[in-house]
Each structure stands twice: as C-alpha cells, then as structure tokens.
Amino acid sequence: MRTEADPEYVRTLARYLEERVAALGKSGIGEPLAALTLAALDITDELFRAREEHERQDGDVQARLGALVQMLERFRS
C-alpha cells in the first residue's frame, strides 16, 4: 500500500482494524469478510458520532463566545 503517512501510523491503523475483526470473530462472526465489513461499519459509525459530537461542541463554543461578545459590548456601552 502506498501512502505518505508514517509507516508506524499505518501499522497502528491495521492493528486496530485487526483487533476489531478479531473481537467480532470471538463473538461468533465466523465469516472473515462479514467480520471485516461489520468492523468497517462499526468504525465508520464511531467516526460519524465523533464528528457530530465535535460539531455540537463547536456550536456550543461559538454560542458561548457570542454571548461573551454581547456582554462585552453591553459593558462598553
């Protein structure tokens, strides 16, 4: 596989995926392709949830900053 990423980082990603597939195998998913597909879906779900949480937190920060700006503007008036 060709990538500009650090080889150790790529190995870490591969180990993570292998661990997730192995965990699914231990839970009774015997078909390797099914386990790989389910692991990929689970990891993708984690990514989407993390993005949603990040966006929610970013929105919270923006709302708090807006409130602080309004308070400062009232204080200066």
PDB file of N, CA and C in Angstrom:
ATOM      1  N   MET A   1       0.851  -1.171   0.000  1.00  0.00           N
ATOM      2  CA  MET A   1       0.000   0.000   0.000  1.00  0.00           C
ATOM      3  C   MET A   1       0.896   1.232   0.000  1.00  0.00           C
ATOM      4  N   ARG A   2       0.611   2.165  -0.880  1.00  0.00           N
ATOM      5  CA  ARG A   2       1.396   3.396  -0.942  1.00  0.00           C
ATOM      6  C   ARG A   2       0.649   4.515  -0.237  1.00  0.00           C
ATOM      7  N   THR A   3       1.382   5.225   0.582  1.00  0.00           N
ATOM      8  CA  THR A   3       0.793   6.346   1.301  1.00  0.00           C
ATOM      9  C   THR A   3       1.910   7.269   1.762  1.00  0.00           C
ATOM     10  N   GLU A   4       1.545   8.500   2.021  1.00  0.00           N
ATOM     11  CA  GLU A   4       2.523   9.442   2.568  1.00  0.00           C
ATOM     12  C   GLU A   4       2.561   9.386   4.091  1.00  0.00           C
ATOM     13  N   ALA A   5       1.641   8.627   4.663  1.00  0.00           N
ATOM     14  CA  ALA A   5       1.576   8.517   6.121  1.00  0.00           C
ATOM     15  C   ALA A   5       2.777   7.740   6.647  1.00  0.00           C
ATOM     16  N   ASP A   6       3.107   8.020   7.886  1.00  0.00           N
ATOM     17  CA  ASP A   6       4.187   7.318   8.567  1.00  0.00           C
ATOM     18  C   ASP A   6       3.866   5.824   8.623  1.00  0.00           C
ATOM     19  N   PRO A   7       4.814   4.957   8.274  1.00  0.00           N
ATOM     20  CA  PRO A   7       4.558   3.510   8.285  1.00  0.00           C
ATOM     21  C   PRO A   7       4.063   2.993   9.635  1.00  0.00           C
ATOM     22  N   GLU A   8       4.591   3.519  10.711  1.00  0.00           N
ATOM     23  CA  GLU A   8       4.137   3.072  12.035  1.00  0.00           C
ATOM     24  C   GLU A   8       2.681   3.441  12.268  1.00  0.00           C
ATOM     25  N   TYR A   9       2.283   4.592  11.788  1.00  0.00           N
ATOM     26  CA  TYR A   9       0.884   5.012  11.904  1.00  0.00           C
ATOM     27  C   TYR A   9      -0.014   4.044  11.127  1.00  0.00           C
ATOM     28  N   VAL A  10       0.392   3.681   9.932  1.00  0.00           N
ATOM     29  CA  VAL A  10      -0.388   2.742   9.121  1.00  0.00           C
ATOM     30  C   VAL A  10      -0.463   1.387   9.811  1.00  0.00           C
ATOM     31  N   ARG A  11       0.624   0.941  10.422  1.00  0.00           N
ATOM     32  CA  ARG A  11       0.610  -0.317  11.168  1.00  0.00           C
ATOM     33  C   ARG A  11      -0.350  -0.233  12.351  1.00  0.00           C
ATOM     34  N   THR A  12      -0.384   0.916  13.000  1.00  0.00           N
ATOM     35  CA  THR A  12      -1.308   1.111  14.115  1.00  0.00           C
ATOM     36  C   THR A  12      -2.756   1.006  13.642  1.00  0.00           C
ATOM     37  N   LEU A  13      -3.047   1.623  12.507  1.00  0.00           N
ATOM     38  CA  LEU A  13      -4.396   1.521  11.938  1.00  0.00           C
ATOM     39  C   LEU A  13      -4.749   0.074  11.614  1.00  0.00           C
ATOM     40  N   ALA A  14      -3.806  -0.633  10.999  1.00  0.00           N
ATOM     41  CA  ALA A  14      -4.045  -2.032  10.635  1.00  0.00           C
ATOM     42  C   ALA A  14      -4.274  -2.890  11.872  1.00  0.00           C
ATOM     43  N   ARG A  15      -3.475  -2.670  12.931  1.00  0.00           N
ATOM     44  CA  ARG A  15      -3.660  -3.424  14.178  1.00  0.00           C
ATOM     45  C   ARG A  15      -5.034  -3.159  14.774  1.00  0.00           C
ATOM     46  N   TYR A  16      -5.450  -1.891  14.742  1.00  0.00           N
ATOM     47  CA  TYR A  16      -6.760  -1.536  15.288  1.00  0.00           C
ATOM     48  C   TYR A  16      -7.858  -2.285  14.540  1.00  0.00           C
ATOM     49  N   LEU A  17      -7.794  -2.276  13.216  1.00  0.00           N
ATOM     50  CA  LEU A  17      -8.793  -2.976  12.416  1.00  0.00           C
ATOM     51  C   LEU A  17      -8.747  -4.480  12.689  1.00  0.00           C
ATOM     52  N   GLU A  18      -7.555  -5.043  12.748  1.00  0.00           N
ATOM     53  CA  GLU A  18      -7.419  -6.472  13.038  1.00  0.00           C
ATOM     54  C   GLU A  18      -8.020  -6.827  14.396  1.00  0.00           C
ATOM     55  N   GLU A  19      -7.819  -5.969  15.390  1.00  0.00           N
ATOM     56  CA  GLU A  19      -8.386  -6.216  16.721  1.00  0.00           C
ATOM     57  C   GLU A  19      -9.907  -6.187  16.679  1.00  0.00           C
ATOM     58  N   ARG A  20     -10.468  -5.229  15.937  1.00  0.00           N
ATOM     59  CA  ARG A  20     -11.924  -5.140  15.833  1.00  0.00           C
ATOM     60  C   ARG A  20     -12.493  -6.365  15.121  1.00  0.00           C
ATOM     61  N   VAL A  21     -11.827  -6.814  14.061  1.00  0.00           N
ATOM     62  CA  VAL A  21     -12.272  -8.003  13.329  1.00  0.00           C
ATOM     63  C   VAL A  21     -12.161  -9.235  14.229  1.00  0.00           C
ATOM     64  N   ALA A  22     -11.066  -9.341  14.980  1.00  0.00           N
ATOM     65  CA  ALA A  22     -10.880 -10.480  15.887  1.00  0.00           C
ATOM     66  C   ALA A  22     -11.962 -10.502  16.964  1.00  0.00           C
ATOM     67  N   ALA A  23     -12.317  -9.344  17.495  1.00  0.00           N
ATOM     68  CA  ALA A  23     -13.365  -9.275  18.516  1.00  0.00           C
ATOM     69  C   ALA A  23     -14.693  -9.755  17.944  1.00  0.00           C
ATOM     70  N   LEU A  24     -14.979  -9.379  16.725  1.00  0.00           N
ATOM     71  CA  LEU A  24     -16.214  -9.853  16.098  1.00  0.00           C
ATOM     72  C   LEU A  24     -16.150 -11.358  15.862  1.00  0.00           C
ATOM     73  N   GLY A  25     -14.970 -11.854  15.512  1.00  0.00           N
ATOM     74  CA  GLY A  25     -14.803 -13.296  15.334  1.00  0.00           C
ATOM     75  C   GLY A  25     -15.076 -14.052  16.620  1.00  0.00           C
ATOM     76  N   LYS A  26     -14.613 -13.494  17.721  1.00  0.00           N
ATOM     77  CA  LYS A  26     -14.841 -14.128  19.027  1.00  0.00           C
ATOM     78  C   LYS A  26     -16.310 -14.084  19.428  1.00  0.00           C
ATOM     79  N   SER A  27     -17.046 -13.116  18.893  1.00  0.00           N
ATOM     80  CA  SER A  27     -18.461 -13.006  19.248  1.00  0.00           C
ATOM     81  C   SER A  27     -19.340 -13.899  18.370  1.00  0.00           C
ATOM     82  N   GLY A  28     -18.705 -14.645  17.464  1.00  0.00           N
ATOM     83  CA  GLY A  28     -19.469 -15.608  16.684  1.00  0.00           C
ATOM     84  C   GLY A  28     -19.554 -15.321  15.201  1.00  0.00           C
ATOM     85  N   ILE A  29     -18.980 -14.243  14.736  1.00  0.00           N
ATOM     86  CA  ILE A  29     -18.967 -13.946  13.305  1.00  0.00           C
ATOM     87  C   ILE A  29     -17.822 -14.746  12.695  1.00  0.00           C
ATOM     88  N   GLY A  30     -18.129 -15.867  12.066  1.00  0.00           N
ATOM     89  CA  GLY A  30     -17.090 -16.753  11.560  1.00  0.00           C
ATOM     90  C   GLY A  30     -16.587 -16.388  10.176  1.00  0.00           C
ATOM     91  N   GLU A  31     -17.406 -15.763   9.390  1.00  0.00           N
ATOM     92  CA  GLU A  31     -17.042 -15.397   8.023  1.00  0.00           C
ATOM     93  C   GLU A  31     -16.118 -14.186   8.051  1.00  0.00           C
ATOM     94  N   PRO A  32     -14.872 -14.302   7.587  1.00  0.00           N
ATOM     95  CA  PRO A  32     -13.920 -13.186   7.647  1.00  0.00           C
ATOM     96  C   PRO A  32     -14.400 -11.917   6.934  1.00  0.00           C
ATOM     97  N   LEU A  33     -15.016 -12.069   5.761  1.00  0.00           N
ATOM     98  CA  LEU A  33     -15.487 -10.886   5.037  1.00  0.00           C
ATOM     99  C   LEU A  33     -16.624 -10.202   5.789  1.00  0.00           C
ATOM    100  N   ALA A  34     -17.495 -10.977   6.394  1.00  0.00           N
ATOM    101  CA  ALA A  34     -18.588 -10.404   7.183  1.00  0.00           C
ATOM    102  C   ALA A  34     -18.021  -9.660   8.391  1.00  0.00           C
ATOM    103  N   ALA A  35     -17.029 -10.261   9.057  1.00  0.00           N
ATOM    104  CA  ALA A  35     -16.418  -9.615  10.220  1.00  0.00           C
ATOM    105  C   ALA A  35     -15.731  -8.314   9.811  1.00  0.00           C
ATOM    106  N   LEU A  36     -15.027  -8.340   8.683  1.00  0.00           N
ATOM    107  CA  LEU A  36     -14.357  -7.136   8.196  1.00  0.00           C
ATOM    108  C   LEU A  36     -15.372  -6.050   7.842  1.00  0.00           C
ATOM    109  N   THR A  37     -16.458  -6.443   7.201  1.00  0.00           N
ATOM    110  CA  THR A  37     -17.500  -5.480   6.832  1.00  0.00           C
ATOM    111  C   THR A  37     -18.151  -4.883   8.065  1.00  0.00           C
ATOM    112  N   LEU A  38     -18.483  -5.706   9.033  1.00  0.00           N
ATOM    113  CA  LEU A  38     -19.093  -5.208  10.266  1.00  0.00           C
ATOM    114  C   LEU A  38     -18.136  -4.307  11.036  1.00  0.00           C
ATOM    115  N   ALA A  39     -16.857  -4.666  11.060  1.00  0.00           N
ATOM    116  CA  ALA A  39     -15.866  -3.822  11.737  1.00  0.00           C
ATOM    117  C   ALA A  39     -15.777  -2.468  11.041  1.00  0.00           C
ATOM    118  N   ALA A  40     -15.769  -2.483   9.714  1.00  0.00           N
ATOM    119  CA  ALA A  40     -15.704  -1.224   8.965  1.00  0.00           C
ATOM    120  C   ALA A  40     -16.938  -0.369   9.245  1.00  0.00           C
ATOM    121  N   LEU A  41     -18.094  -0.982   9.282  1.00  0.00           N
ATOM    122  CA  LEU A  41     -19.319  -0.229   9.591  1.00  0.00           C
ATOM    123  C   LEU A  41     -19.284   0.333  11.005  1.00  0.00           C
ATOM    124  N   ASP A  42     -18.804  -0.462  11.948  1.00  0.00           N
ATOM    125  CA  ASP A  42     -18.726  -0.010  13.335  1.00  0.00           C
ATOM    126  C   ASP A  42     -17.754   1.152  13.485  1.00  0.00           C
ATOM    127  N   ILE A  43     -16.608   1.055  12.829  1.00  0.00           N
ATOM    128  CA  ILE A  43     -15.614   2.132  12.891  1.00  0.00           C
ATOM    129  C   ILE A  43     -16.154   3.388  12.207  1.00  0.00           C
ATOM    130  N   THR A  44     -16.853   3.220  11.098  1.00  0.00           N
ATOM    131  CA  THR A  44     -17.462   4.360  10.412  1.00  0.00           C
ATOM    132  C   THR A  44     -18.513   5.020  11.293  1.00  0.00           C
ATOM    133  N   ASP A  45     -19.298   4.214  12.008  1.00  0.00           N
ATOM    134  CA  ASP A  45     -20.275   4.756  12.943  1.00  0.00           C
ATOM    135  C   ASP A  45     -19.588   5.580  14.028  1.00  0.00           C
ATOM    136  N   GLU A  46     -18.490   5.067  14.562  1.00  0.00           N
ATOM    137  CA  GLU A  46     -17.729   5.817  15.563  1.00  0.00           C
ATOM    138  C   GLU A  46     -17.254   7.152  15.003  1.00  0.00           C
ATOM    139  N   LEU A  47     -16.760   7.139  13.769  1.00  0.00           N
ATOM    140  CA  LEU A  47     -16.293   8.362  13.128  1.00  0.00           C
ATOM    141  C   LEU A  47     -17.419   9.368  13.003  1.00  0.00           C
ATOM    142  N   PHE A  48     -18.569   8.928  12.511  1.00  0.00           N
ATOM    143  CA  PHE A  48     -19.695   9.842  12.330  1.00  0.00           C
ATOM    144  C   PHE A  48     -20.158  10.416  13.671  1.00  0.00           C
ATOM    145  N   ARG A  49     -20.223   9.566  14.693  1.00  0.00           N
ATOM    146  CA  ARG A  49     -20.644  10.049  16.021  1.00  0.00           C
ATOM    147  C   ARG A  49     -19.636  11.047  16.581  1.00  0.00           C
ATOM    148  N   ALA A  50     -18.357  10.779  16.376  1.00  0.00           N
ATOM    149  CA  ALA A  50     -17.323  11.709  16.851  1.00  0.00           C
ATOM    150  C   ALA A  50     -17.423  13.041  16.117  1.00  0.00           C
ATOM    151  N   ARG A  51     -17.691  13.004  14.821  1.00  0.00           N
ATOM    152  CA  ARG A  51     -17.859  14.246  14.059  1.00  0.00           C
ATOM    153  C   ARG A  51     -19.061  15.035  14.557  1.00  0.00           C
ATOM    154  N   GLU A  52     -20.183  14.324  14.795  1.00  0.00           N
ATOM    155  CA  GLU A  52     -21.375  15.000  15.311  1.00  0.00           C
ATOM    156  C   GLU A  52     -21.096  15.650  16.656  1.00  0.00           C
ATOM    157  N   GLU A  53     -20.389  14.940  17.524  1.00  0.00           N
ATOM    158  CA  GLU A  53     -20.056  15.475  18.849  1.00  0.00           C
ATOM    159  C   GLU A  53     -19.151  16.694  18.707  1.00  0.00           C
ATOM    160  N   HIS A  54     -18.192  16.613  17.808  1.00  0.00           N
ATOM    161  CA  HIS A  54     -17.285  17.733  17.575  1.00  0.00           C
ATOM    162  C   HIS A  54     -18.066  18.948  17.076  1.00  0.00           C
ATOM    163  N   GLU A  55     -18.971  18.729  16.136  1.00  0.00           N
ATOM    164  CA  GLU A  55     -19.783  19.832  15.619  1.00  0.00           C
ATOM    165  C   GLU A  55     -20.663  20.425  16.720  1.00  0.00           C
ATOM    166  N   ARG A  56     -21.216  19.556  17.580  1.00  0.00           N
ATOM    167  CA  ARG A  56     -22.054  20.039  18.676  1.00  0.00           C
ATOM    168  C   ARG A  56     -21.231  20.882  19.642  1.00  0.00           C
ATOM    169  N   GLN A  57     -20.033  20.383  19.979  1.00  0.00           N
ATOM    170  CA  GLN A  57     -19.173  21.131  20.886  1.00  0.00           C
ATOM    171  C   GLN A  57     -18.724  22.436  20.260  1.00  0.00           C
ATOM    172  N   ASP A  58     -18.415  22.419  18.978  1.00  0.00           N
ATOM    173  CA  ASP A  58     -18.016  23.634  18.274  1.00  0.00           C
ATOM    174  C   ASP A  58     -19.152  24.652  18.306  1.00  0.00           C
ATOM    175  N   GLY A  59     -20.379  24.172  18.102  1.00  0.00           N
ATOM    176  CA  GLY A  59     -21.540  25.058  18.172  1.00  0.00           C
ATOM    177  C   GLY A  59     -21.711  25.647  19.560  1.00  0.00           C
ATOM    178  N   ASP A  60     -21.471  24.824  20.597  1.00  0.00           N
ATOM    179  CA  ASP A  60     -21.567  25.303  21.973  1.00  0.00           C
ATOM    180  C   ASP A  60     -20.532  26.394  22.239  1.00  0.00           C
ATOM    181  N   VAL A  61     -19.323  26.182  21.768  1.00  0.00           N
ATOM    182  CA  VAL A  61     -18.254  27.169  21.959  1.00  0.00           C
ATOM    183  C   VAL A  61     -18.619  28.464  21.245  1.00  0.00           C
ATOM    184  N   GLN A  62     -19.100  28.353  20.018  1.00  0.00           N
ATOM    185  CA  GLN A  62     -19.475  29.550  19.268  1.00  0.00           C
ATOM    186  C   GLN A  62     -20.599  30.306  19.971  1.00  0.00           C
ATOM    187  N   ALA A  63     -21.558  29.585  20.523  1.00  0.00           N
ATOM    188  CA  ALA A  63     -22.660  30.235  21.239  1.00  0.00           C
ATOM    189  C   ALA A  63     -22.143  30.958  22.485  1.00  0.00           C
ATOM    190  N   ARG A  64     -21.237  30.314  23.218  1.00  0.00           N
ATOM    191  CA  ARG A  64     -20.674  30.952  24.417  1.00  0.00           C
ATOM    192  C   ARG A  64     -19.839  32.174  24.059  1.00  0.00           C
ATOM    193  N   LEU A  65     -19.070  32.065  22.983  1.00  0.00           N
ATOM    194  CA  LEU A  65     -18.277  33.221  22.551  1.00  0.00           C
ATOM    195  C   LEU A  65     -19.190  34.374  22.131  1.00  0.00           C
ATOM    196  N   GLY A  66     -20.270  34.051  21.439  1.00  0.00           N
ATOM    197  CA  GLY A  66     -21.218  35.084  21.047  1.00  0.00           C
ATOM    198  C   GLY A  66     -21.829  35.772  22.249  1.00  0.00           C
ATOM    199  N   ALA A  67     -22.171  34.994  23.261  1.00  0.00           N
ATOM    200  CA  ALA A  67     -22.739  35.566  24.480  1.00  0.00           C
ATOM    201  C   ALA A  67     -21.720  36.460  25.184  1.00  0.00           C
ATOM    202  N   LEU A  68     -20.473  36.038  25.218  1.00  0.00           N
ATOM    203  CA  LEU A  68     -19.433  36.854  25.842  1.00  0.00           C
ATOM    204  C   LEU A  68     -19.226  38.160  25.080  1.00  0.00           C
ATOM    205  N   VAL A  69     -19.232  38.100  23.769  1.00  0.00           N
ATOM    206  CA  VAL A  69     -19.079  39.312  22.957  1.00  0.00           C
ATOM    207  C   VAL A  69     -20.224  40.270  23.252  1.00  0.00           C
ATOM    208  N   GLN A  70     -21.432  39.755  23.325  1.00  0.00           N
ATOM    209  CA  GLN A  70     -22.579  40.611  23.643  1.00  0.00           C
ATOM    210  C   GLN A  70     -22.429  41.247  25.018  1.00  0.00           C
ATOM    211  N   MET A  71     -21.961  40.477  25.985  1.00  0.00           N
ATOM    212  CA  MET A  71     -21.764  41.029  27.328  1.00  0.00           C
ATOM    213  C   MET A  71     -20.726  42.128  27.312  1.00  0.00           C
ATOM    214  N   LEU A  72     -19.618  41.912  26.590  1.00  0.00           N
ATOM    215  CA  LEU A  72     -18.561  42.924  26.495  1.00  0.00           C
ATOM    216  C   LEU A  72     -19.082  44.183  25.809  1.00  0.00           C
ATOM    217  N   GLU A  73     -19.862  43.992  24.772  1.00  0.00           N
ATOM    218  CA  GLU A  73     -20.409  45.157  24.071  1.00  0.00           C
ATOM    219  C   GLU A  73     -21.349  45.952  24.972  1.00  0.00           C
ATOM    220  N   ARG A  74     -22.144  45.281  25.787  1.00  0.00           N
ATOM    221  CA  ARG A  74     -23.029  45.985  26.719  1.00  0.00           C
ATOM    222  C   ARG A  74     -22.217  46.701  27.796  1.00  0.00           C
ATOM    223  N   PHE A  75     -21.135  46.054  28.227  1.00  0.00           N
ATOM    224  CA  PHE A  75     -20.298  46.638  29.257  1.00  0.00           C
ATOM    225  C   PHE A  75     -19.623  47.922  28.746  1.00  0.00           C
ATOM    226  N   ARG A  76     -19.212  47.892  27.463  1.00  0.00           N
ATOM    227  CA  ARG A  76     -18.542  49.044  26.884  1.00  0.00           C
ATOM    228  C   ARG A  76     -19.506  50.182  26.592  1.00  0.00           C
ATOM    229  N   SER A  77     -20.777  49.914  26.486  1.00  0.00           N
ATOM    230  CA  SER A  77     -21.752  50.968  26.165  1.00  0.00           C
ATOM    231  C   SER A  77     -22.093  51.820  27.355  1.00  0.00           C
TER     232      SER A  77
END
